[in-house]
PDB file of N, CA and C in Angstrom:
ATOM      1  N   ALA A   1     135.231 141.351 145.198  1.00  0.00           N
ATOM      2  CA  ALA A   1     134.199 140.501 145.761  1.00  0.00           C
ATOM      3  C   ALA A   1     133.273 141.363 146.605  1.00  0.00           C
ATOM      4  N   ILE A   2     132.007 141.116 146.519  1.00  0.00           N
ATOM      5  CA  ILE A   2     131.049 141.827 147.342  1.00  0.00           C
ATOM      6  C   ILE A   2     130.567 140.848 148.400  1.00  0.00           C
ATOM      7  N   PRO A   3     131.041 141.015 149.630  1.00  0.00           N
ATOM      8  CA  PRO A   3     130.654 140.076 150.666  1.00  0.00           C
ATOM      9  C   PRO A   3     129.304 140.429 151.262  1.00  0.00           C
ATOM     10  N   HIS A   4     128.756 139.471 151.995  1.00  0.00           N
ATOM     11  CA  HIS A   4     127.559 139.741 152.779  1.00  0.00           C
ATOM     12  C   HIS A   4     128.010 140.482 154.031  1.00  0.00           C
ATOM     13  N   VAL A   5     127.307 141.508 154.435  1.00  0.00           N
ATOM     14  CA  VAL A   5     127.674 142.289 155.612  1.00  0.00           C
ATOM     15  C   VAL A   5     126.635 142.092 156.699  1.00  0.00           C
ATOM     16  N   LEU A   6     127.109 141.740 157.882  1.00  0.00           N
ATOM     17  CA  LEU A   6     126.229 141.644 159.034  1.00  0.00           C
ATOM     18  C   LEU A   6     126.022 143.047 159.588  1.00  0.00           C
ATOM     19  N   PRO A   7     124.992 143.273 160.388  1.00  0.00           N
ATOM     20  CA  PRO A   7     124.738 144.623 160.901  1.00  0.00           C
ATOM     21  C   PRO A   7     125.952 145.214 161.610  1.00  0.00           C
ATOM     22  N   GLN A   8     126.137 146.514 161.428  1.00  0.00           N
ATOM     23  CA  GLN A   8     127.258 147.212 162.054  1.00  0.00           C
ATOM     24  C   GLN A   8     126.943 147.457 163.519  1.00  0.00           C
ATOM     25  N   GLY A   9     127.891 147.139 164.366  1.00  0.00           N
ATOM     26  CA  GLY A   9     127.745 147.400 165.782  1.00  0.00           C
ATOM     27  C   GLY A   9     128.633 148.555 166.191  1.00  0.00           C
ATOM     28  N   PRO A  10     128.663 148.876 167.468  1.00  0.00           N
ATOM     29  CA  PRO A  10     129.468 150.006 167.930  1.00  0.00           C
ATOM     30  C   PRO A  10     130.971 149.774 167.800  1.00  0.00           C
ATOM     31  N   LYS A  11     131.386 148.516 167.618  1.00  0.00           N
ATOM     32  CA  LYS A  11     132.812 148.222 167.564  1.00  0.00           C
ATOM     33  C   LYS A  11     133.322 147.946 166.154  1.00  0.00           C
ATOM     34  N   GLY A  12     132.464 147.975 165.160  1.00  0.00           N
ATOM     35  CA  GLY A  12     132.955 147.743 163.806  1.00  0.00           C
ATOM     36  C   GLY A  12     131.943 147.082 162.904  1.00  0.00           C
ATOM     37  N   ILE A  13     132.459 146.468 161.854  1.00  0.00           N
ATOM     38  CA  ILE A  13     131.644 145.825 160.829  1.00  0.00           C
ATOM     39  C   ILE A  13     132.076 144.373 160.715  1.00  0.00           C
ATOM     40  N   VAL A  14     131.125 143.481 160.478  1.00  0.00           N
ATOM     41  CA  VAL A  14     131.421 142.078 160.254  1.00  0.00           C
ATOM     42  C   VAL A  14     131.072 141.738 158.808  1.00  0.00           C
ATOM     43  N   LEU A  15     132.031 141.142 158.090  1.00  0.00           N
ATOM     44  CA  LEU A  15     131.853 140.774 156.690  1.00  0.00           C
ATOM     45  C   LEU A  15     131.877 139.257 156.543  1.00  0.00           C
ATOM     46  N   ARG A  16     131.245 138.768 155.489  1.00  0.00           N
ATOM     47  CA  ARG A  16     131.342 137.350 155.119  1.00  0.00           C
ATOM     48  C   ARG A  16     131.867 137.274 153.697  1.00  0.00           C
ATOM     49  N   PHE A  17     133.049 136.675 153.540  1.00  0.00           N
ATOM     50  CA  PHE A  17     133.639 136.449 152.226  1.00  0.00           C
ATOM     51  C   PHE A  17     133.615 134.955 151.927  1.00  0.00           C
ATOM     52  N   LYS A  18     133.595 134.591 150.658  1.00  0.00           N
ATOM     53  CA  LYS A  18     133.716 133.182 150.276  1.00  0.00           C
ATOM     54  C   LYS A  18     135.144 132.694 150.482  1.00  0.00           C
ATOM     55  N   ASP A  19     136.114 133.601 150.379  1.00  0.00           N
ATOM     56  CA  ASP A  19     137.532 133.262 150.481  1.00  0.00           C
ATOM     57  C   ASP A  19     138.241 134.433 151.147  1.00  0.00           C
ATOM     58  N   SER A  20     139.096 134.141 152.112  1.00  0.00           N
ATOM     59  CA  SER A  20     139.787 135.226 152.818  1.00  0.00           C
ATOM     60  C   SER A  20     141.047 135.687 152.097  1.00  0.00           C
ATOM     61  N   SER A  21     141.473 134.959 151.066  1.00  0.00           N
ATOM     62  CA  SER A  21     142.647 135.348 150.267  1.00  0.00           C
ATOM     63  C   SER A  21     143.858 135.647 151.138  1.00  0.00           C
ATOM     64  N   GLU A  22     144.078 134.844 152.173  1.00  0.00           N
ATOM     65  CA  GLU A  22     145.226 134.970 153.077  1.00  0.00           C
ATOM     66  C   GLU A  22     145.231 136.261 153.888  1.00  0.00           C
ATOM     67  N   LEU A  23     144.086 136.857 154.078  1.00  0.00           N
ATOM     68  CA  LEU A  23     143.946 138.028 154.939  1.00  0.00           C
ATOM     69  C   LEU A  23     144.174 137.593 156.385  1.00  0.00           C
ATOM     70  N   THR A  24     144.817 138.417 157.196  1.00  0.00           N
ATOM     71  CA  THR A  24     145.086 138.062 158.589  1.00  0.00           C
ATOM     72  C   THR A  24     144.649 139.176 159.535  1.00  0.00           C
ATOM     73  N   ALA A  25     144.443 138.808 160.802  1.00  0.00           N
ATOM     74  CA  ALA A  25     144.145 139.808 161.829  1.00  0.00           C
ATOM     75  C   ALA A  25     145.292 140.807 161.871  1.00  0.00           C
ATOM     76  N   GLY A  26     144.953 142.075 161.994  1.00  0.00           N
ATOM     77  CA  GLY A  26     145.951 143.138 162.004  1.00  0.00           C
ATOM     78  C   GLY A  26     146.169 143.784 160.649  1.00  0.00           C
ATOM     79  N   SER A  27     145.661 143.163 159.587  1.00  0.00           N
ATOM     80  CA  SER A  27     145.789 143.750 158.246  1.00  0.00           C
ATOM     81  C   SER A  27     145.063 145.086 158.209  1.00  0.00           C
ATOM     82  N   PRO A  28     145.540 146.034 157.400  1.00  0.00           N
ATOM     83  CA  PRO A  28     144.887 147.337 157.340  1.00  0.00           C
ATOM     84  C   PRO A  28     143.530 147.302 156.635  1.00  0.00           C
ATOM     85  N   VAL A  29     142.681 148.251 157.012  1.00  0.00           N
ATOM     86  CA  VAL A  29     141.413 148.505 156.338  1.00  0.00           C
ATOM     87  C   VAL A  29     141.545 149.900 155.745  1.00  0.00           C
ATOM     88  N   ARG A  30     141.267 150.020 154.448  1.00  0.00           N
ATOM     89  CA  ARG A  30     141.429 151.301 153.755  1.00  0.00           C
ATOM     90  C   ARG A  30     140.118 151.735 153.125  1.00  0.00           C
ATOM     91  N   LEU A  31     139.869 153.024 153.185  1.00  0.00           N
ATOM     92  CA  LEU A  31     138.710 153.634 152.539  1.00  0.00           C
ATOM     93  C   LEU A  31     139.242 154.469 151.384  1.00  0.00           C
ATOM     94  N   MET A  32     139.032 154.006 150.158  1.00  0.00           N
ATOM     95  CA  MET A  32     139.531 154.673 148.957  1.00  0.00           C
ATOM     96  C   MET A  32     141.026 154.976 149.072  1.00  0.00           C
ATOM     97  N   GLY A  33     141.791 154.023 149.606  1.00  0.00           N
ATOM     98  CA  GLY A  33     143.243 154.133 149.669  1.00  0.00           C
ATOM     99  C   GLY A  33     143.817 154.690 150.958  1.00  0.00           C
ATOM    100  N   THR A  34     142.989 155.239 151.837  1.00  0.00           N
ATOM    101  CA  THR A  34     143.459 155.811 153.104  1.00  0.00           C
ATOM    102  C   THR A  34     143.163 154.844 154.236  1.00  0.00           C
ATOM    103  N   GLU A  35     144.167 154.556 155.062  1.00  0.00           N
ATOM    104  CA  GLU A  35     143.968 153.613 156.165  1.00  0.00           C
ATOM    105  C   GLU A  35     143.013 154.203 157.198  1.00  0.00           C
ATOM    106  N   VAL A  36     141.947 153.447 157.515  1.00  0.00           N
ATOM    107  CA  VAL A  36     140.925 153.900 158.461  1.00  0.00           C
ATOM    108  C   VAL A  36     140.680 152.903 159.589  1.00  0.00           C
ATOM    109  N   GLY A  37     141.347 151.748 159.539  1.00  0.00           N
ATOM    110  CA  GLY A  37     141.120 150.746 160.570  1.00  0.00           C
ATOM    111  C   GLY A  37     141.966 149.512 160.344  1.00  0.00           C
ATOM    112  N   TRP A  38     141.548 148.399 160.938  1.00  0.00           N
ATOM    113  CA  TRP A  38     142.307 147.157 160.888  1.00  0.00           C
ATOM    114  C   TRP A  38     141.344 145.970 160.919  1.00  0.00           C
ATOM    115  N   VAL A  39     141.866 144.808 160.509  1.00  0.00           N
ATOM    116  CA  VAL A  39     141.110 143.563 160.596  1.00  0.00           C
ATOM    117  C   VAL A  39     141.256 143.047 162.017  1.00  0.00           C
ATOM    118  N   ARG A  40     140.134 142.943 162.719  1.00  0.00           N
ATOM    119  CA  ARG A  40     140.159 142.466 164.113  1.00  0.00           C
ATOM    120  C   ARG A  40     140.300 140.952 164.192  1.00  0.00           C
ATOM    121  N   SER A  41     139.611 140.239 163.281  1.00  0.00           N
ATOM    122  CA  SER A  41     139.715 138.774 163.291  1.00  0.00           C
ATOM    123  C   SER A  41     139.276 138.205 161.951  1.00  0.00           C
ATOM    124  N   VAL A  42     139.779 137.003 161.661  1.00  0.00           N
ATOM    125  CA  VAL A  42     139.393 136.236 160.477  1.00  0.00           C
ATOM    126  C   VAL A  42     139.071 134.837 160.972  1.00  0.00           C
ATOM    127  N   ARG A  43     137.833 134.383 160.765  1.00  0.00           N
ATOM    128  CA  ARG A  43     137.406 133.068 161.260  1.00  0.00           C
ATOM    129  C   ARG A  43     136.682 132.296 160.163  1.00  0.00           C
ATOM    130  N   PHE A  44     137.015 131.017 160.036  1.00  0.00           N
ATOM    131  CA  PHE A  44     136.335 130.151 159.080  1.00  0.00           C
ATOM    132  C   PHE A  44     135.026 129.691 159.680  1.00  0.00           C
ATOM    133  N   ARG A  45     133.948 129.791 158.910  1.00  0.00           N
ATOM    134  CA  ARG A  45     132.606 129.438 159.362  1.00  0.00           C
ATOM    135  C   ARG A  45     131.917 128.587 158.304  1.00  0.00           C
ATOM    136  N   GLY A  46     132.318 127.327 158.189  1.00  0.00           N
ATOM    137  CA  GLY A  46     131.686 126.436 157.223  1.00  0.00           C
ATOM    138  C   GLY A  46     131.992 126.829 155.791  1.00  0.00           C
ATOM    139  N   ASP A  47     131.000 127.389 155.096  1.00  0.00           N
ATOM    140  CA  ASP A  47     131.160 127.722 153.675  1.00  0.00           C
ATOM    141  C   ASP A  47     131.615 129.157 153.433  1.00  0.00           C
ATOM    142  N   HIS A  48     131.985 129.886 154.485  1.00  0.00           N
ATOM    143  CA  HIS A  48     132.445 131.265 154.313  1.00  0.00           C
ATOM    144  C   HIS A  48     133.477 131.619 155.374  1.00  0.00           C
ATOM    145  N   VAL A  49     134.050 132.798 155.213  1.00  0.00           N
ATOM    146  CA  VAL A  49     135.013 133.336 156.182  1.00  0.00           C
ATOM    147  C   VAL A  49     134.406 134.601 156.764  1.00  0.00           C
ATOM    148  N   GLN A  50     134.396 134.689 158.085  1.00  0.00           N
ATOM    149  CA  GLN A  50     133.879 135.873 158.770  1.00  0.00           C
ATOM    150  C   GLN A  50     135.051 136.787 159.103  1.00  0.00           C
ATOM    151  N   VAL A  51     134.957 138.042 158.678  1.00  0.00           N
ATOM    152  CA  VAL A  51     136.022 139.022 158.893  1.00  0.00           C
ATOM    153  C   VAL A  51     135.442 140.183 159.693  1.00  0.00           C
ATOM    154  N   LYS A  52     136.013 140.431 160.871  1.00  0.00           N
ATOM    155  CA  LYS A  52     135.579 141.560 161.699  1.00  0.00           C
ATOM    156  C   LYS A  52     136.550 142.713 161.514  1.00  0.00           C
ATOM    157  N   LEU A  53     135.991 143.897 161.292  1.00  0.00           N
ATOM    158  CA  LEU A  53     136.795 145.099 161.092  1.00  0.00           C
ATOM    159  C   LEU A  53     136.646 146.045 162.270  1.00  0.00           C
ATOM    160  N   GLY A  54     137.737 146.687 162.650  1.00  0.00           N
ATOM    161  CA  GLY A  54     137.718 147.753 163.643  1.00  0.00           C
ATOM    162  C   GLY A  54     138.131 149.044 162.961  1.00  0.00           C
ATOM    163  N   PHE A  55     137.663 150.175 163.486  1.00  0.00           N
ATOM    164  CA  PHE A  55     137.955 151.465 162.862  1.00  0.00           C
ATOM    165  C   PHE A  55     138.560 152.431 163.872  1.00  0.00           C
ATOM    166  N   TYR A  56     139.464 153.287 163.392  1.00  0.00           N
ATOM    167  CA  TYR A  56     140.049 154.324 164.236  1.00  0.00           C
ATOM    168  C   TYR A  56     138.967 155.328 164.614  1.00  0.00           C
ATOM    169  N   ARG A  57     139.132 155.957 165.762  1.00  0.00           N
ATOM    170  CA  ARG A  57     138.132 156.929 166.242  1.00  0.00           C
ATOM    171  C   ARG A  57     137.901 158.080 165.271  1.00  0.00           C
ATOM    172  N   ASP A  58     138.953 158.517 164.596  1.00  0.00           N
ATOM    173  CA  ASP A  58     138.820 159.647 163.682  1.00  0.00           C
ATOM    174  C   ASP A  58     138.515 159.237 162.239  1.00  0.00           C
ATOM    175  N   ALA A  59     138.211 157.956 162.018  1.00  0.00           N
ATOM    176  CA  ALA A  59     137.911 157.478 160.663  1.00  0.00           C
ATOM    177  C   ALA A  59     136.586 158.066 160.180  1.00  0.00           C
ATOM    178  N   PRO A  60     136.516 158.436 158.903  1.00  0.00           N
ATOM    179  CA  PRO A  60     135.237 158.910 158.368  1.00  0.00           C
ATOM    180  C   PRO A  60     134.240 157.756 158.320  1.00  0.00           C
ATOM    181  N   PRO A  61     132.952 158.047 158.299  1.00  0.00           N
ATOM    182  CA  PRO A  61     131.965 156.967 158.235  1.00  0.00           C
ATOM    183  C   PRO A  61     132.052 156.227 156.895  1.00  0.00           C
ATOM    184  N   VAL A  62     131.720 154.948 156.935  1.00  0.00           N
ATOM    185  CA  VAL A  62     131.680 154.150 155.713  1.00  0.00           C
ATOM    186  C   VAL A  62     130.421 154.561 154.944  1.00  0.00           C
ATOM    187  N   PRO A  63     130.560 154.922 153.661  1.00  0.00           N
ATOM    188  CA  PRO A  63     129.387 155.356 152.896  1.00  0.00           C
ATOM    189  C   PRO A  63     128.339 154.255 152.778  1.00  0.00           C
ATOM    190  N   GLU A  64     127.073 154.632 152.859  1.00  0.00           N
ATOM    191  CA  GLU A  64     126.001 153.663 152.677  1.00  0.00           C
ATOM    192  C   GLU A  64     126.104 153.079 151.278  1.00  0.00           C
ATOM    193  N   GLY A  65     125.988 151.756 151.180  1.00  0.00           N
ATOM    194  CA  GLY A  65     126.086 151.096 149.894  1.00  0.00           C
ATOM    195  C   GLY A  65     127.505 150.803 149.458  1.00  0.00           C
ATOM    196  N   ALA A  66     128.495 151.058 150.331  1.00  0.00           N
ATOM    197  CA  ALA A  66     129.893 150.779 150.001  1.00  0.00           C
ATOM    198  C   ALA A  66     130.085 149.290 149.761  1.00  0.00           C
ATOM    199  N   TYR A  67     131.149 148.954 149.039  1.00  0.00           N
ATOM    200  CA  TYR A  67     131.482 147.547 148.865  1.00  0.00           C
ATOM    201  C   TYR A  67     132.918 147.315 149.299  1.00  0.00           C
ATOM    202  N   PHE A  68     133.223 146.054 149.612  1.00  0.00           N
ATOM    203  CA  PHE A  68     134.473 145.671 150.242  1.00  0.00           C
ATOM    204  C   PHE A  68     135.182 144.633 149.379  1.00  0.00           C
ATOM    205  N   THR A  69     136.495 144.798 149.225  1.00  0.00           N
ATOM    206  CA  THR A  69     137.297 143.808 148.517  1.00  0.00           C
ATOM    207  C   THR A  69     138.561 143.533 149.321  1.00  0.00           C
ATOM    208  N   ILE A  70     139.185 142.396 149.047  1.00  0.00           N
ATOM    209  CA  ILE A  70     140.486 142.083 149.632  1.00  0.00           C
ATOM    210  C   ILE A  70     141.515 142.355 148.540  1.00  0.00           C
ATOM    211  N   GLU A  71     142.491 143.207 148.853  1.00  0.00           N
ATOM    212  CA  GLU A  71     143.467 143.667 147.865  1.00  0.00           C
ATOM    213  C   GLU A  71     144.892 143.458 148.367  1.00  0.00           C
ATOM    214  N   PHE A  72     145.853 143.426 147.424  1.00  0.00           N
ATOM    215  CA  PHE A  72     147.272 143.436 147.769  1.00  0.00           C
ATOM    216  C   PHE A  72     147.641 144.824 148.266  1.00  0.00           C
ATOM    217  N   THR A  73     148.548 144.907 149.269  1.00  0.00           N
ATOM    218  CA  THR A  73     148.995 146.212 149.749  1.00  0.00           C
ATOM    219  C   THR A  73     150.370 146.578 149.223  1.00  0.00           C
ATOM    220  N   GLY A  74     151.081 145.627 148.647  1.00  0.00           N
ATOM    221  CA  GLY A  74     152.418 145.934 148.146  1.00  0.00           C
ATOM    222  C   GLY A  74     153.084 144.721 147.537  1.00  0.00           C
ATOM    223  N   ILE A  75     154.350 144.857 147.264  1.00  0.00           N
ATOM    224  CA  ILE A  75     155.115 143.810 146.593  1.00  0.00           C
ATOM    225  C   ILE A  75     155.211 142.539 147.428  1.00  0.00           C
ATOM    226  N   ALA A  76     155.281 142.656 148.741  1.00  0.00           N
ATOM    227  CA  ALA A  76     155.460 141.490 149.606  1.00  0.00           C
ATOM    228  C   ALA A  76     154.230 140.579 149.647  1.00  0.00           C
ATOM    229  N   GLY A  77     153.129 141.002 149.063  1.00  0.00           N
ATOM    230  CA  GLY A  77     151.938 140.158 149.021  1.00  0.00           C
ATOM    231  C   GLY A  77     151.022 140.308 150.217  1.00  0.00           C
ATOM    232  N   ALA A  78     151.278 141.304 151.074  1.00  0.00           N
ATOM    233  CA  ALA A  78     150.388 141.544 152.210  1.00  0.00           C
ATOM    234  C   ALA A  78     149.018 141.965 151.687  1.00  0.00           C
ATOM    235  N   LYS A  79     147.977 141.692 152.455  1.00  0.00           N
ATOM    236  CA  LYS A  79     146.607 141.985 152.030  1.00  0.00           C
ATOM    237  C   LYS A  79     145.977 143.040 152.924  1.00  0.00           C
ATOM    238  N   CYS A  80     144.944 143.698 152.396  1.00  0.00           N
ATOM    239  CA  CYS A  80     144.151 144.646 153.159  1.00  0.00           C
ATOM    240  C   CYS A  80     142.703 144.529 152.703  1.00  0.00           C
ATOM    241  N   VAL A  81     141.794 145.092 153.493  1.00  0.00           N
ATOM    242  CA  VAL A  81     140.409 145.220 153.075  1.00  0.00           C
ATOM    243  C   VAL A  81     140.255 146.639 152.527  1.00  0.00           C
ATOM    244  N   GLU A  82     139.789 146.742 151.299  1.00  0.00           N
ATOM    245  CA  GLU A  82     139.581 148.039 150.657  1.00  0.00           C
ATOM    246  C   GLU A  82     138.080 148.316 150.612  1.00  0.00           C
ATOM    247  N   ILE A  83     137.686 149.502 151.069  1.00  0.00           N
ATOM    248  CA  ILE A  83     136.289 149.926 151.045  1.00  0.00           C
ATOM    249  C   ILE A  83     136.141 150.955 149.933  1.00  0.00           C
ATOM    250  N   MET A  84     135.199 150.707 149.044  1.00  0.00           N
ATOM    251  CA  MET A  84     134.975 151.615 147.918  1.00  0.00           C
ATOM    252  C   MET A  84     133.549 152.140 147.975  1.00  0.00           C
ATOM    253  N   PRO A  85     133.327 153.357 147.459  1.00  0.00           N
ATOM    254  CA  PRO A  85     131.965 153.915 147.455  1.00  0.00           C
ATOM    255  C   PRO A  85     131.056 153.092 146.549  1.00  0.00           C
ATOM    256  N   PRO A  86     129.751 153.280 146.684  1.00  0.00           N
ATOM    257  CA  PRO A  86     128.808 152.516 145.857  1.00  0.00           C
ATOM    258  C   PRO A  86     129.090 152.682 144.372  1.00  0.00           C
ATOM    259  N   ARG A  87     128.871 151.600 143.653  1.00  0.00           N
ATOM    260  CA  ARG A  87     129.058 151.613 142.204  1.00  0.00           C
ATOM    261  C   ARG A  87     127.773 152.042 141.522  1.00  0.00           C
ATOM    262  N   GLN A  88     127.936 152.691 140.406  1.00  0.00           N
ATOM    263  CA  GLN A  88     126.795 153.033 139.563  1.00  0.00           C
ATOM    264  C   GLN A  88     126.776 152.037 138.415  1.00  0.00           C
ATOM    265  N   LEU A  89     125.940 151.024 138.521  1.00  0.00           N
ATOM    266  CA  LEU A  89     125.850 150.004 137.484  1.00  0.00           C
ATOM    267  C   LEU A  89     124.621 150.280 136.635  1.00  0.00           C
ATOM    268  N   HIS A  90     124.811 150.327 135.350  1.00  0.00           N
ATOM    269  CA  HIS A  90     123.731 150.735 134.467  1.00  0.00           C
ATOM    270  C   HIS A  90     122.995 149.593 133.795  1.00  0.00           C
ATOM    271  N   THR A  91     123.620 148.442 133.661  1.00  0.00           N
ATOM    272  CA  THR A  91     122.957 147.344 132.972  1.00  0.00           C
ATOM    273  C   THR A  91     122.424 146.345 133.994  1.00  0.00           C
ATOM    274  N   PRO A  92     121.169 145.917 133.849  1.00  0.00           N
ATOM    275  CA  PRO A  92     120.565 145.017 134.830  1.00  0.00           C
ATOM    276  C   PRO A  92     121.351 143.733 135.049  1.00  0.00           C
ATOM    277  N   GLU A  93     121.955 143.173 134.009  1.00  0.00           N
ATOM    278  CA  GLU A  93     122.669 141.901 134.173  1.00  0.00           C
ATOM    279  C   GLU A  93     123.945 142.050 134.990  1.00  0.00           C
ATOM    280  N   LYS A  94     124.450 143.271 135.158  1.00  0.00           N
ATOM    281  CA  LYS A  94     125.659 143.492 135.945  1.00  0.00           C
ATOM    282  C   LYS A  94     125.360 143.954 137.360  1.00  0.00           C
ATOM    283  N   ARG A  95     124.122 144.167 137.693  1.00  0.00           N
ATOM    284  CA  ARG A  95     123.804 144.642 139.037  1.00  0.00           C
ATOM    285  C   ARG A  95     124.064 143.551 140.060  1.00  0.00           C
ATOM    286  N   GLN A  96     124.719 143.948 141.116  1.00  0.00           N
ATOM    287  CA  GLN A  96     124.984 143.057 142.245  1.00  0.00           C
ATOM    288  C   GLN A  96     124.302 143.666 143.456  1.00  0.00           C
ATOM    289  N   PRO A  97     123.933 142.831 144.423  1.00  0.00           N
ATOM    290  CA  PRO A  97     123.352 143.434 145.632  1.00  0.00           C
ATOM    291  C   PRO A  97     124.381 144.335 146.300  1.00  0.00           C
ATOM    292  N   TYR A  98     123.978 145.520 146.651  1.00  0.00           N
ATOM    293  CA  TYR A  98     124.893 146.455 147.310  1.00  0.00           C
ATOM    294  C   TYR A  98     125.058 146.068 148.762  1.00  0.00           C
ATOM    295  N   VAL A  99     126.221 146.364 149.287  1.00  0.00           N
ATOM    296  CA  VAL A  99     126.489 146.133 150.699  1.00  0.00           C
ATOM    297  C   VAL A  99     126.059 147.384 151.431  1.00  0.00           C
ATOM    298  N   VAL A 100     125.125 147.262 152.346  1.00  0.00           N
ATOM    299  CA  VAL A 100     124.641 148.409 153.110  1.00  0.00           C
ATOM    300  C   VAL A 100     125.199 148.311 154.504  1.00  0.00           C
ATOM    301  N   VAL A 101     125.919 149.345 154.920  1.00  0.00           N
ATOM    302  CA  VAL A 101     126.514 149.334 156.263  1.00  0.00           C
ATOM    303  C   VAL A 101     125.984 150.494 157.077  1.00  0.00           C
TER     304      VAL A 101
END
């Protein structure tokens, strides 16, 4: 899922997902599989879910145009936010708005 991203502040990133997929505060945030932060909060806001992310001090910067998904972290069904680098989409009908952070 490519959520809408609110402007990044000094304390993290705020995302808007249509569905939180049982994501909870404290869940890990991973950048291409490496843990770089945590979910600070998950709040329902009418037709969407607002997810605030916090990052460790030594975390690498989130690449411009990155996209965010909610993924399983293991067999127990725990969830995490996965950050992936920008996609290279070649066909116009498959282009999605990129998330700019």
